[in-house]
Amino acid sequence: QKAIEAEKRICALTEENETLEIALNTSLQFFTVAKY
């Protein structure tokens, strides 16, 4: 149960970090036209 909860927290943090990277235009998964 603790492992599942930890995995959920990691996934939430990963998604939050990815959203922040995209918002700051630093993500390697999303590109604006200018950045590409």
Full PDB file with SEQRES, HELIX, SHEET, SSBOND, CRYST1, ORIGX, SCALE, CONECT and MASTER records, all heavy atoms in Angstrom:
SEQRES   1 A   36  GLN LYS ALA ILE GLU ALA GLU LYS ARG ILE CYS ALA LEU          
SEQRES   2 A   36  THR GLU GLU ASN GLU THR LEU GLU ILE ALA LEU ASN THR          
SEQRES   3 A   36  SER LEU GLN PHE PHE THR VAL ALA LYS TYR                      
HELIX    1 AA1 LYS A    2  ALA A   23  1                                  22    
CRYST1    1.000    1.000    1.000  90.00  90.00  90.00 P 1           1          
ORIGX1      1.000000  0.000000  0.000000        0.00000                         
ORIGX2      0.000000  1.000000  0.000000        0.00000                         
ORIGX3      0.000000  0.000000  1.000000        0.00000                         
SCALE1      1.000000  0.000000  0.000000        0.00000                         
SCALE2      0.000000  1.000000  0.000000        0.00000                         
SCALE3      0.000000  0.000000  1.000000        0.00000                         
ATOM      1  N   GLN A   1       0.825  -1.206   0.000  1.00  0.00           N  
ATOM      2  CA  GLN A   1       0.000   0.000   0.000  1.00  0.00           C  
ATOM      3  C   GLN A   1       0.861   1.258   0.000  1.00  0.00           C  
ATOM      4  O   GLN A   1       0.569   2.227  -0.704  1.00  0.00           O  
ATOM      5  CB  GLN A   1      -0.925  -0.012   1.219  1.00  0.00           C  
ATOM      6  CG  GLN A   1      -2.035  -1.054   1.139  1.00  0.00           C  
ATOM      7  CD  GLN A   1      -2.832  -1.159   2.418  1.00  0.00           C  
ATOM      8  OE1 GLN A   1      -2.383  -0.759   3.496  1.00  0.00           O  
ATOM      9  NE2 GLN A   1      -4.037  -1.712   2.317  1.00  0.00           N  
ATOM     10  N   LYS A   2       1.948   1.234   0.782  1.00  0.00           N  
ATOM     11  CA  LYS A   2       2.849   2.383   0.835  1.00  0.00           C  
ATOM     12  C   LYS A   2       3.539   2.594  -0.510  1.00  0.00           C  
ATOM     13  O   LYS A   2       3.759   3.732  -0.936  1.00  0.00           O  
ATOM     14  CB  LYS A   2       3.882   2.193   1.948  1.00  0.00           C  
ATOM     15  CG  LYS A   2       3.310   2.340   3.360  1.00  0.00           C  
ATOM     16  CD  LYS A   2       4.386   2.259   4.408  1.00  0.00           C  
ATOM     17  CE  LYS A   2       3.818   2.511   5.797  1.00  0.00           C  
ATOM     18  NZ  LYS A   2       4.860   2.422   6.859  1.00  0.00           N  
ATOM     19  N   ALA A   3       3.893   1.477  -1.167  1.00  0.00           N  
ATOM     20  CA  ALA A   3       4.545   1.580  -2.476  1.00  0.00           C  
ATOM     21  C   ALA A   3       3.598   2.190  -3.504  1.00  0.00           C  
ATOM     22  O   ALA A   3       4.002   3.021  -4.326  1.00  0.00           O  
ATOM     23  CB  ALA A   3       5.011   0.202  -2.931  1.00  0.00           C  
ATOM     24  N   ILE A   4       2.329   1.788  -3.454  1.00  0.00           N  
ATOM     25  CA  ILE A   4       1.326   2.326  -4.375  1.00  0.00           C  
ATOM     26  C   ILE A   4       1.137   3.824  -4.123  1.00  0.00           C  
ATOM     27  O   ILE A   4       1.072   4.627  -5.059  1.00  0.00           O  
ATOM     28  CB  ILE A   4      -0.006   1.576  -4.217  1.00  0.00           C  
ATOM     29  CG1 ILE A   4       0.138   0.141  -4.729  1.00  0.00           C  
ATOM     30  CG2 ILE A   4      -1.120   2.295  -4.973  1.00  0.00           C  
ATOM     31  CD1 ILE A   4      -1.064  -0.735  -4.453  1.00  0.00           C  
ATOM     32  N   GLU A   5       1.059   4.211  -2.847  1.00  0.00           N  
ATOM     33  CA  GLU A   5       0.889   5.621  -2.501  1.00  0.00           C  
ATOM     34  C   GLU A   5       2.095   6.436  -2.950  1.00  0.00           C  
ATOM     35  O   GLU A   5       1.950   7.555  -3.456  1.00  0.00           O  
ATOM     36  CB  GLU A   5       0.687   5.763  -0.994  1.00  0.00           C  
ATOM     37  CG  GLU A   5      -0.656   5.203  -0.501  1.00  0.00           C  
ATOM     38  CD  GLU A   5      -0.747   5.140   1.001  1.00  0.00           C  
ATOM     39  OE1 GLU A   5       0.227   5.562   1.677  1.00  0.00           O  
ATOM     40  OE2 GLU A   5      -1.776   4.675   1.525  1.00  0.00           O  
ATOM     41  N   ALA A   6       3.286   5.866  -2.755  1.00  0.00           N  
ATOM     42  CA  ALA A   6       4.506   6.568  -3.177  1.00  0.00           C  
ATOM     43  C   ALA A   6       4.538   6.744  -4.691  1.00  0.00           C  
ATOM     44  O   ALA A   6       4.926   7.801  -5.194  1.00  0.00           O  
ATOM     45  CB  ALA A   6       5.743   5.793  -2.708  1.00  0.00           C  
ATOM     46  N   GLU A   7       4.114   5.701  -5.402  1.00  0.00           N  
ATOM     47  CA  GLU A   7       4.087   5.771  -6.872  1.00  0.00           C  
ATOM     48  C   GLU A   7       3.107   6.840  -7.348  1.00  0.00           C  
ATOM     49  O   GLU A   7       3.389   7.572  -8.293  1.00  0.00           O  
ATOM     50  CB  GLU A   7       3.694   4.413  -7.446  1.00  0.00           C  
ATOM     51  CG  GLU A   7       3.786   4.343  -8.962  1.00  0.00           C  
ATOM     52  CD  GLU A   7       3.499   2.964  -9.504  1.00  0.00           C  
ATOM     53  OE1 GLU A   7       3.418   2.008  -8.704  1.00  0.00           O  
ATOM     54  OE2 GLU A   7       3.359   2.830 -10.732  1.00  0.00           O  
ATOM     55  N   LYS A   8       1.958   6.943  -6.659  1.00  0.00           N  
ATOM     56  CA  LYS A   8       0.973   7.964  -7.016  1.00  0.00           C  
ATOM     57  C   LYS A   8       1.543   9.362  -6.794  1.00  0.00           C  
ATOM     58  O   LYS A   8       1.340  10.268  -7.614  1.00  0.00           O  
ATOM     59  CB  LYS A   8      -0.292   7.786  -6.183  1.00  0.00           C  
ATOM     60  CG  LYS A   8      -1.141   6.591  -6.589  1.00  0.00           C  
ATOM     61  CD  LYS A   8      -2.382   6.482  -5.717  1.00  0.00           C  
ATOM     62  CE  LYS A   8      -3.252   5.301  -6.133  1.00  0.00           C  
ATOM     63  NZ  LYS A   8      -4.448   5.160  -5.244  1.00  0.00           N  
ATOM     64  N   ARG A   9       2.280   9.531  -5.677  1.00  0.00           N  
ATOM     65  CA  ARG A   9       2.885  10.844  -5.391  1.00  0.00           C  
ATOM     66  C   ARG A   9       3.943  11.188  -6.435  1.00  0.00           C  
ATOM     67  O   ARG A   9       4.043  12.330  -6.879  1.00  0.00           O  
ATOM     68  CB  ARG A   9       3.500  10.851  -3.990  1.00  0.00           C  
ATOM     69  CG  ARG A   9       2.471  10.855  -2.865  1.00  0.00           C  
ATOM     70  CD  ARG A   9       3.107  11.247  -1.547  1.00  0.00           C  
ATOM     71  NE  ARG A   9       4.090  10.275  -1.110  1.00  0.00           N  
ATOM     72  CZ  ARG A   9       3.819   9.213  -0.351  1.00  0.00           C  
ATOM     73  NH1 ARG A   9       2.580   8.986   0.032  1.00  0.00           N  
ATOM     74  NH2 ARG A   9       4.767   8.385   0.019  1.00  0.00           N  
ATOM     75  N   ILE A  10       4.724  10.167  -6.829  1.00  0.00           N  
ATOM     76  CA  ILE A  10       5.766  10.394  -7.839  1.00  0.00           C  
ATOM     77  C   ILE A  10       5.144  10.780  -9.173  1.00  0.00           C  
ATOM     78  O   ILE A  10       5.606  11.700  -9.850  1.00  0.00           O  
ATOM     79  CB  ILE A  10       6.641   9.135  -7.995  1.00  0.00           C  
ATOM     80  CG1 ILE A  10       7.486   8.929  -6.733  1.00  0.00           C  
ATOM     81  CG2 ILE A  10       7.541   9.243  -9.221  1.00  0.00           C  
ATOM     82  CD1 ILE A  10       8.227   7.602  -6.702  1.00  0.00           C  
ATOM     83  N   CYS A  11       4.061  10.074  -9.537  1.00  0.00           N  
ATOM     84  CA  CYS A  11       3.374  10.385 -10.795  1.00  0.00           C  
ATOM     85  C   CYS A  11       2.812  11.800 -10.771  1.00  0.00           C  
ATOM     86  O   CYS A  11       2.888  12.526 -11.760  1.00  0.00           O  
ATOM     87  CB  CYS A  11       2.245   9.382 -11.037  1.00  0.00           C  
ATOM     88  SG  CYS A  11       2.814   7.734 -11.497  1.00  0.00           S  
ATOM     89  N   ALA A  12       2.245  12.190  -9.610  1.00  0.00           N  
ATOM     90  CA  ALA A  12       1.678  13.536  -9.487  1.00  0.00           C  
ATOM     91  C   ALA A  12       2.773  14.587  -9.612  1.00  0.00           C  
ATOM     92  O   ALA A  12       2.598  15.612 -10.280  1.00  0.00           O  
ATOM     93  CB  ALA A  12       0.952  13.676  -8.157  1.00  0.00           C  
ATOM     94  N   LEU A  13       3.932  14.320  -8.970  1.00  0.00           N  
ATOM     95  CA  LEU A  13       5.049  15.269  -9.034  1.00  0.00           C  
ATOM     96  C   LEU A  13       5.629  15.331 -10.448  1.00  0.00           C  
ATOM     97  O   LEU A  13       6.013  16.402 -10.918  1.00  0.00           O  
ATOM     98  CB  LEU A  13       6.137  14.855  -8.041  1.00  0.00           C  
ATOM     99  CG  LEU A  13       5.809  15.064  -6.559  1.00  0.00           C  
ATOM    100  CD1 LEU A  13       6.889  14.445  -5.686  1.00  0.00           C  
ATOM    101  CD2 LEU A  13       5.666  16.553  -6.245  1.00  0.00           C  
ATOM    102  N   THR A  14       5.696  14.159 -11.105  1.00  0.00           N  
ATOM    103  CA  THR A  14       6.213  14.118 -12.479  1.00  0.00           C  
ATOM    104  C   THR A  14       5.325  14.926 -13.409  1.00  0.00           C  
ATOM    105  O   THR A  14       5.800  15.703 -14.246  1.00  0.00           O  
ATOM    106  CB  THR A  14       6.293  12.658 -12.980  1.00  0.00           C  
ATOM    107  OG1 THR A  14       7.157  11.922 -12.113  1.00  0.00           O  
ATOM    108  CG2 THR A  14       6.829  12.603 -14.396  1.00  0.00           C  
ATOM    109  N   GLU A  15       3.997  14.739 -13.258  1.00  0.00           N  
ATOM    110  CA  GLU A  15       3.049  15.483 -14.097  1.00  0.00           C  
ATOM    111  C   GLU A  15       3.127  16.982 -13.795  1.00  0.00           C  
ATOM    112  O   GLU A  15       3.092  17.811 -14.718  1.00  0.00           O  
ATOM    113  CB  GLU A  15       1.633  14.979 -13.836  1.00  0.00           C  
ATOM    114  CG  GLU A  15       0.596  15.604 -14.749  1.00  0.00           C  
ATOM    115  CD  GLU A  15      -0.783  15.005 -14.548  1.00  0.00           C  
ATOM    116  OE1 GLU A  15      -0.888  13.971 -13.864  1.00  0.00           O  
ATOM    117  OE2 GLU A  15      -1.750  15.591 -15.072  1.00  0.00           O  
ATOM    118  N   GLU A  16       3.261  17.309 -12.510  1.00  0.00           N  
ATOM    119  CA  GLU A  16       3.363  18.723 -12.128  1.00  0.00           C  
ATOM    120  C   GLU A  16       4.633  19.343 -12.699  1.00  0.00           C  
ATOM    121  O   GLU A  16       4.628  20.468 -13.202  1.00  0.00           O  
ATOM    122  CB  GLU A  16       3.369  18.828 -10.592  1.00  0.00           C  
ATOM    123  CG  GLU A  16       3.434  20.246 -10.071  1.00  0.00           C  
ATOM    124  CD  GLU A  16       3.439  20.300  -8.550  1.00  0.00           C  
ATOM    125  OE1 GLU A  16       2.947  19.342  -7.928  1.00  0.00           O  
ATOM    126  OE2 GLU A  16       3.937  21.289  -8.002  1.00  0.00           O  
ATOM    127  N   ASN A  17       5.742  18.573 -12.641  1.00  0.00           N  
ATOM    128  CA  ASN A  17       7.008  19.069 -13.171  1.00  0.00           C  
ATOM    129  C   ASN A  17       6.934  19.240 -14.683  1.00  0.00           C  
ATOM    130  O   ASN A  17       7.442  20.224 -15.236  1.00  0.00           O  
ATOM    131  CB  ASN A  17       8.132  18.087 -12.812  1.00  0.00           C  
ATOM    132  CG  ASN A  17       9.497  18.582 -13.252  1.00  0.00           C  
ATOM    133  OD1 ASN A  17       9.929  19.655 -12.850  1.00  0.00           O  
ATOM    134  ND2 ASN A  17      10.166  17.809 -14.087  1.00  0.00           N  
ATOM    135  N   GLU A  18       6.263  18.267 -15.345  1.00  0.00           N  
ATOM    136  CA  GLU A  18       6.125  18.356 -16.803  1.00  0.00           C  
ATOM    137  C   GLU A  18       5.285  19.572 -17.195  1.00  0.00           C  
ATOM    138  O   GLU A  18       5.619  20.290 -18.141  1.00  0.00           O  
ATOM    139  CB  GLU A  18       5.467  17.080 -17.336  1.00  0.00           C  
ATOM    140  CG  GLU A  18       5.303  17.075 -18.847  1.00  0.00           C  
ATOM    141  CD  GLU A  18       4.610  15.822 -19.337  1.00  0.00           C  
ATOM    142  OE1 GLU A  18       4.754  14.775 -18.682  1.00  0.00           O  
ATOM    143  OE2 GLU A  18       3.918  15.902 -20.360  1.00  0.00           O  
ATOM    144  N   THR A  19       4.205  19.808 -16.436  1.00  0.00           N  
ATOM    145  CA  THR A  19       3.355  20.972 -16.705  1.00  0.00           C  
ATOM    146  C   THR A  19       4.147  22.261 -16.527  1.00  0.00           C  
ATOM    147  O   THR A  19       4.023  23.201 -17.323  1.00  0.00           O  
ATOM    148  CB  THR A  19       2.138  20.971 -15.753  1.00  0.00           C  
ATOM    149  OG1 THR A  19       1.401  19.764 -15.955  1.00  0.00           O  
ATOM    150  CG2 THR A  19       1.237  22.165 -16.016  1.00  0.00           C  
ATOM    151  N   LEU A  20       4.991  22.315 -15.482  1.00  0.00           N  
ATOM    152  CA  LEU A  20       5.811  23.506 -15.234  1.00  0.00           C  
ATOM    153  C   LEU A  20       6.833  23.700 -16.348  1.00  0.00           C  
ATOM    154  O   LEU A  20       7.050  24.821 -16.818  1.00  0.00           O  
ATOM    155  CB  LEU A  20       6.522  23.357 -13.882  1.00  0.00           C  
ATOM    156  CG  LEU A  20       7.413  24.537 -13.455  1.00  0.00           C  
ATOM    157  CD1 LEU A  20       6.582  25.812 -13.331  1.00  0.00           C  
ATOM    158  CD2 LEU A  20       8.114  24.228 -12.145  1.00  0.00           C  
ATOM    159  N   GLU A  21       7.441  22.607 -16.788  1.00  0.00           N  
ATOM    160  CA  GLU A  21       8.427  22.701 -17.870  1.00  0.00           C  
ATOM    161  C   GLU A  21       7.791  23.237 -19.149  1.00  0.00           C  
ATOM    162  O   GLU A  21       8.382  24.050 -19.861  1.00  0.00           O  
ATOM    163  CB  GLU A  21       9.053  21.324 -18.127  1.00  0.00           C  
ATOM    164  CG  GLU A  21      10.014  20.873 -17.044  1.00  0.00           C  
ATOM    165  CD  GLU A  21      10.594  19.505 -17.350  1.00  0.00           C  
ATOM    166  OE1 GLU A  21      10.016  18.793 -18.203  1.00  0.00           O  
ATOM    167  OE2 GLU A  21      11.606  19.142 -16.737  1.00  0.00           O  
ATOM    168  N   ILE A  22       6.571  22.742 -19.422  1.00  0.00           N  
ATOM    169  CA  ILE A  22       5.880  23.210 -20.622  1.00  0.00           C  
ATOM    170  C   ILE A  22       5.539  24.686 -20.496  1.00  0.00           C  
ATOM    171  O   ILE A  22       5.701  25.473 -21.432  1.00  0.00           O  
ATOM    172  CB  ILE A  22       4.601  22.372 -20.854  1.00  0.00           C  
ATOM    173  CG1 ILE A  22       4.996  20.934 -21.211  1.00  0.00           C  
ATOM    174  CG2 ILE A  22       3.743  22.978 -21.964  1.00  0.00           C  
ATOM    175  CD1 ILE A  22       3.837  19.973 -21.215  1.00  0.00           C  
ATOM    176  N   ALA A  23       5.045  25.066 -19.298  1.00  0.00           N  
ATOM    177  CA  ALA A  23       4.678  26.472 -19.070  1.00  0.00           C  
ATOM    178  C   ALA A  23       5.884  27.389 -19.219  1.00  0.00           C  
ATOM    179  O   ALA A  23       5.771  28.517 -19.692  1.00  0.00           O  
ATOM    180  CB  ALA A  23       4.059  26.633 -17.687  1.00  0.00           C  
ATOM    181  N   LEU A  24       7.051  26.894 -18.818  1.00  0.00           N  
ATOM    182  CA  LEU A  24       8.270  27.696 -18.908  1.00  0.00           C  
ATOM    183  C   LEU A  24       9.003  27.491 -20.234  1.00  0.00           C  
ATOM    184  O   LEU A  24      10.067  28.055 -20.458  1.00  0.00           O  
ATOM    185  CB  LEU A  24       9.215  27.329 -17.744  1.00  0.00           C  
ATOM    186  CG  LEU A  24       8.685  27.625 -16.336  1.00  0.00           C  
ATOM    187  CD1 LEU A  24       9.672  27.128 -15.291  1.00  0.00           C  
ATOM    188  CD2 LEU A  24       8.426  29.122 -16.159  1.00  0.00           C  
ATOM    189  N   ASN A  25       8.417  26.650 -21.088  1.00  0.00           N  
ATOM    190  CA  ASN A  25       8.998  26.374 -22.406  1.00  0.00           C  
ATOM    191  C   ASN A  25      10.368  25.705 -22.304  1.00  0.00           C  
ATOM    192  O   ASN A  25      11.271  25.963 -23.097  1.00  0.00           O  
ATOM    193  CB  ASN A  25       9.107  27.651 -23.242  1.00  0.00           C  
ATOM    194  CG  ASN A  25       9.199  27.348 -24.741  1.00  0.00           C  
ATOM    195  OD1 ASN A  25       8.813  26.272 -25.176  1.00  0.00           O  
ATOM    196  ND2 ASN A  25       9.718  28.294 -25.502  1.00  0.00           N  
ATOM    197  N   THR A  26      10.548  24.825 -21.284  1.00  0.00           N  
ATOM    198  CA  THR A  26      11.822  24.111 -21.134  1.00  0.00           C  
ATOM    199  C   THR A  26      11.659  22.606 -21.353  1.00  0.00           C  
ATOM    200  O   THR A  26      12.626  21.858 -21.259  1.00  0.00           O  
ATOM    201  CB  THR A  26      12.408  24.343 -19.723  1.00  0.00           C  
ATOM    202  OG1 THR A  26      11.465  23.870 -18.741  1.00  0.00           O  
ATOM    203  CG2 THR A  26      12.711  25.808 -19.490  1.00  0.00           C  
ATOM    204  N   SER A  27      10.444  22.187 -21.662  1.00  0.00           N  
ATOM    205  CA  SER A  27      10.190  20.757 -21.852  1.00  0.00           C  
ATOM    206  C   SER A  27      10.803  20.259 -23.150  1.00  0.00           C  
ATOM    207  O   SER A  27      10.860  20.975 -24.149  1.00  0.00           O  
ATOM    208  CB  SER A  27       8.677  20.495 -21.868  1.00  0.00           C  
ATOM    209  OG  SER A  27       8.410  19.155 -22.225  1.00  0.00           O  
ATOM    210  N   LEU A  28      11.271  18.996 -23.119  1.00  0.00           N  
ATOM    211  CA  LEU A  28      11.797  18.364 -24.332  1.00  0.00           C  
ATOM    212  C   LEU A  28      10.711  17.529 -25.014  1.00  0.00           C  
ATOM    213  O   LEU A  28      10.972  16.893 -26.036  1.00  0.00           O  
ATOM    214  CB  LEU A  28      12.987  17.467 -23.981  1.00  0.00           C  
ATOM    215  CG  LEU A  28      14.211  18.189 -23.404  1.00  0.00           C  
ATOM    216  CD1 LEU A  28      15.311  17.188 -23.081  1.00  0.00           C  
ATOM    217  CD2 LEU A  28      14.719  19.252 -24.372  1.00  0.00           C  
ATOM    218  N   GLN A  29       9.510  17.552 -24.455  1.00  0.00           N  
ATOM    219  CA  GLN A  29       8.395  16.799 -25.031  1.00  0.00           C  
ATOM    220  C   GLN A  29       7.433  17.701 -25.809  1.00  0.00           C  
ATOM    221  O   GLN A  29       6.696  17.227 -26.654  1.00  0.00           O  
ATOM    222  CB  GLN A  29       7.621  16.074 -23.915  1.00  0.00           C  
ATOM    223  CG  GLN A  29       8.465  15.103 -23.107  1.00  0.00           C  
ATOM    224  CD  GLN A  29       9.079  14.015 -23.963  1.00  0.00           C  
ATOM    225  OE1 GLN A  29       8.424  13.468 -24.851  1.00  0.00           O  
ATOM    226  NE2 GLN A  29      10.352  13.716 -23.738  1.00  0.00           N  
ATOM    227  N   PHE A  30       7.425  18.999 -25.473  1.00  0.00           N  
ATOM    228  CA  PHE A  30       6.574  19.977 -26.158  1.00  0.00           C  
ATOM    229  C   PHE A  30       7.438  21.119 -26.691  1.00  0.00           C  
ATOM    230  O   PHE A  30       8.343  21.584 -25.998  1.00  0.00           O  
ATOM    231  CB  PHE A  30       5.521  20.533 -25.193  1.00  0.00           C  
ATOM    232  CG  PHE A  30       4.335  19.632 -24.994  1.00  0.00           C  
ATOM    233  CD1 PHE A  30       4.441  18.474 -24.235  1.00  0.00           C  
ATOM    234  CD2 PHE A  30       3.100  19.936 -25.554  1.00  0.00           C  
ATOM    235  CE1 PHE A  30       3.360  17.634 -24.039  1.00  0.00           C  
ATOM    236  CE2 PHE A  30       2.006  19.111 -25.371  1.00  0.00           C  
ATOM    237  CZ  PHE A  30       2.129  17.955 -24.612  1.00  0.00           C  
ATOM    238  N   PHE A  31       7.130  21.572 -27.913  1.00  0.00           N  
ATOM    239  CA  PHE A  31       7.910  22.645 -28.535  1.00  0.00           C  
ATOM    240  C   PHE A  31       6.977  23.701 -29.127  1.00  0.00           C  
ATOM    241  O   PHE A  31       6.013  23.374 -29.807  1.00  0.00           O  
ATOM    242  CB  PHE A  31       8.789  22.078 -29.667  1.00  0.00           C  
ATOM    243  CG  PHE A  31       9.980  21.319 -29.194  1.00  0.00           C  
ATOM    244  CD1 PHE A  31       9.852  20.015 -28.727  1.00  0.00           C  
ATOM    245  CD2 PHE A  31      11.232  21.906 -29.200  1.00  0.00           C  
ATOM    246  CE1 PHE A  31      10.953  19.305 -28.295  1.00  0.00           C  
ATOM    247  CE2 PHE A  31      12.353  21.203 -28.764  1.00  0.00           C  
ATOM    248  CZ  PHE A  31      12.211  19.894 -28.303  1.00  0.00           C  
ATOM    249  N   THR A  32       7.307  24.969 -28.850  1.00  0.00           N  
ATOM    250  CA  THR A  32       6.644  26.057 -29.573  1.00  0.00           C  
ATOM    251  C   THR A  32       7.291  26.122 -30.954  1.00  0.00           C  
ATOM    252  O   THR A  32       8.339  25.506 -31.207  1.00  0.00           O  
ATOM    253  CB  THR A  32       6.850  27.398 -28.866  1.00  0.00           C  
ATOM    254  OG1 THR A  32       8.256  27.699 -28.853  1.00  0.00           O  
ATOM    255  CG2 THR A  32       6.320  27.366 -27.440  1.00  0.00           C  
ATOM    256  N   VAL A  33       6.693  26.885 -31.868  1.00  0.00           N  
ATOM    257  CA  VAL A  33       7.267  27.011 -33.213  1.00  0.00           C  
ATOM    258  C   VAL A  33       8.649  27.651 -33.135  1.00  0.00           C  
ATOM    259  O   VAL A  33       9.609  27.183 -33.776  1.00  0.00           O  
ATOM    260  CB  VAL A  33       6.343  27.842 -34.124  1.00  0.00           C  
ATOM    261  CG1 VAL A  33       7.009  28.082 -35.477  1.00  0.00           C  
ATOM    262  CG2 VAL A  33       4.998  27.148 -34.315  1.00  0.00           C  
ATOM    263  N   ALA A  34       8.752  28.732 -32.320  1.00  0.00           N  
ATOM    264  CA  ALA A  34      10.036  29.433 -32.210  1.00  0.00           C  
ATOM    265  C   ALA A  34      11.112  28.527 -31.628  1.00  0.00           C  
ATOM    266  O   ALA A  34      12.261  28.506 -32.095  1.00  0.00           O  
ATOM    267  CB  ALA A  34       9.866  30.682 -31.345  1.00  0.00           C  
ATOM    268  N   LYS A  35      10.742  27.754 -30.600  1.00  0.00           N  
ATOM    269  CA  LYS A  35      11.710  26.862 -29.962  1.00  0.00           C  
ATOM    270  C   LYS A  35      12.142  25.748 -30.921  1.00  0.00           C  
ATOM    271  O   LYS A  35      13.329  25.403 -30.996  1.00  0.00           O  
ATOM    272  CB  LYS A  35      11.085  26.263 -28.698  1.00  0.00           C  
ATOM    273  CG  LYS A  35      11.985  25.285 -27.951  1.00  0.00           C  
ATOM    274  CD  LYS A  35      11.238  24.739 -26.740  1.00  0.00           C  
ATOM    275  CE  LYS A  35      12.014  23.624 -26.077  1.00  0.00           C  
ATOM    276  NZ  LYS A  35      11.279  23.041 -24.944  1.00  0.00           N  
ATOM    277  N   TYR A  36      11.184  25.185 -31.671  1.00  0.00           N  
ATOM    278  CA  TYR A  36      11.510  24.130 -32.629  1.00  0.00           C  
ATOM    279  C   TYR A  36      12.412  24.688 -33.729  1.00  0.00           C  
ATOM    280  O   TYR A  36      13.384  24.033 -34.147  1.00  0.00           O  
ATOM    281  CB  TYR A  36      10.223  23.569 -33.240  1.00  0.00           C  
ATOM    282  CG  TYR A  36      10.430  22.280 -34.007  1.00  0.00           C  
ATOM    283  CD1 TYR A  36      10.291  21.047 -33.381  1.00  0.00           C  
ATOM    284  CD2 TYR A  36      10.776  22.300 -35.367  1.00  0.00           C  
ATOM    285  CE1 TYR A  36      10.481  19.864 -34.074  1.00  0.00           C  
ATOM    286  CE2 TYR A  36      10.968  21.135 -36.070  1.00  0.00           C  
ATOM    287  CZ  TYR A  36      10.828  19.911 -35.418  1.00  0.00           C  
ATOM    288  OH  TYR A  36      11.033  18.749 -36.114  1.00  0.00           O  
TER     289      TYR A  36                                                      
MASTER        0    0    0    1    0    0    0    6  288    1    0    3          
END                                                                             
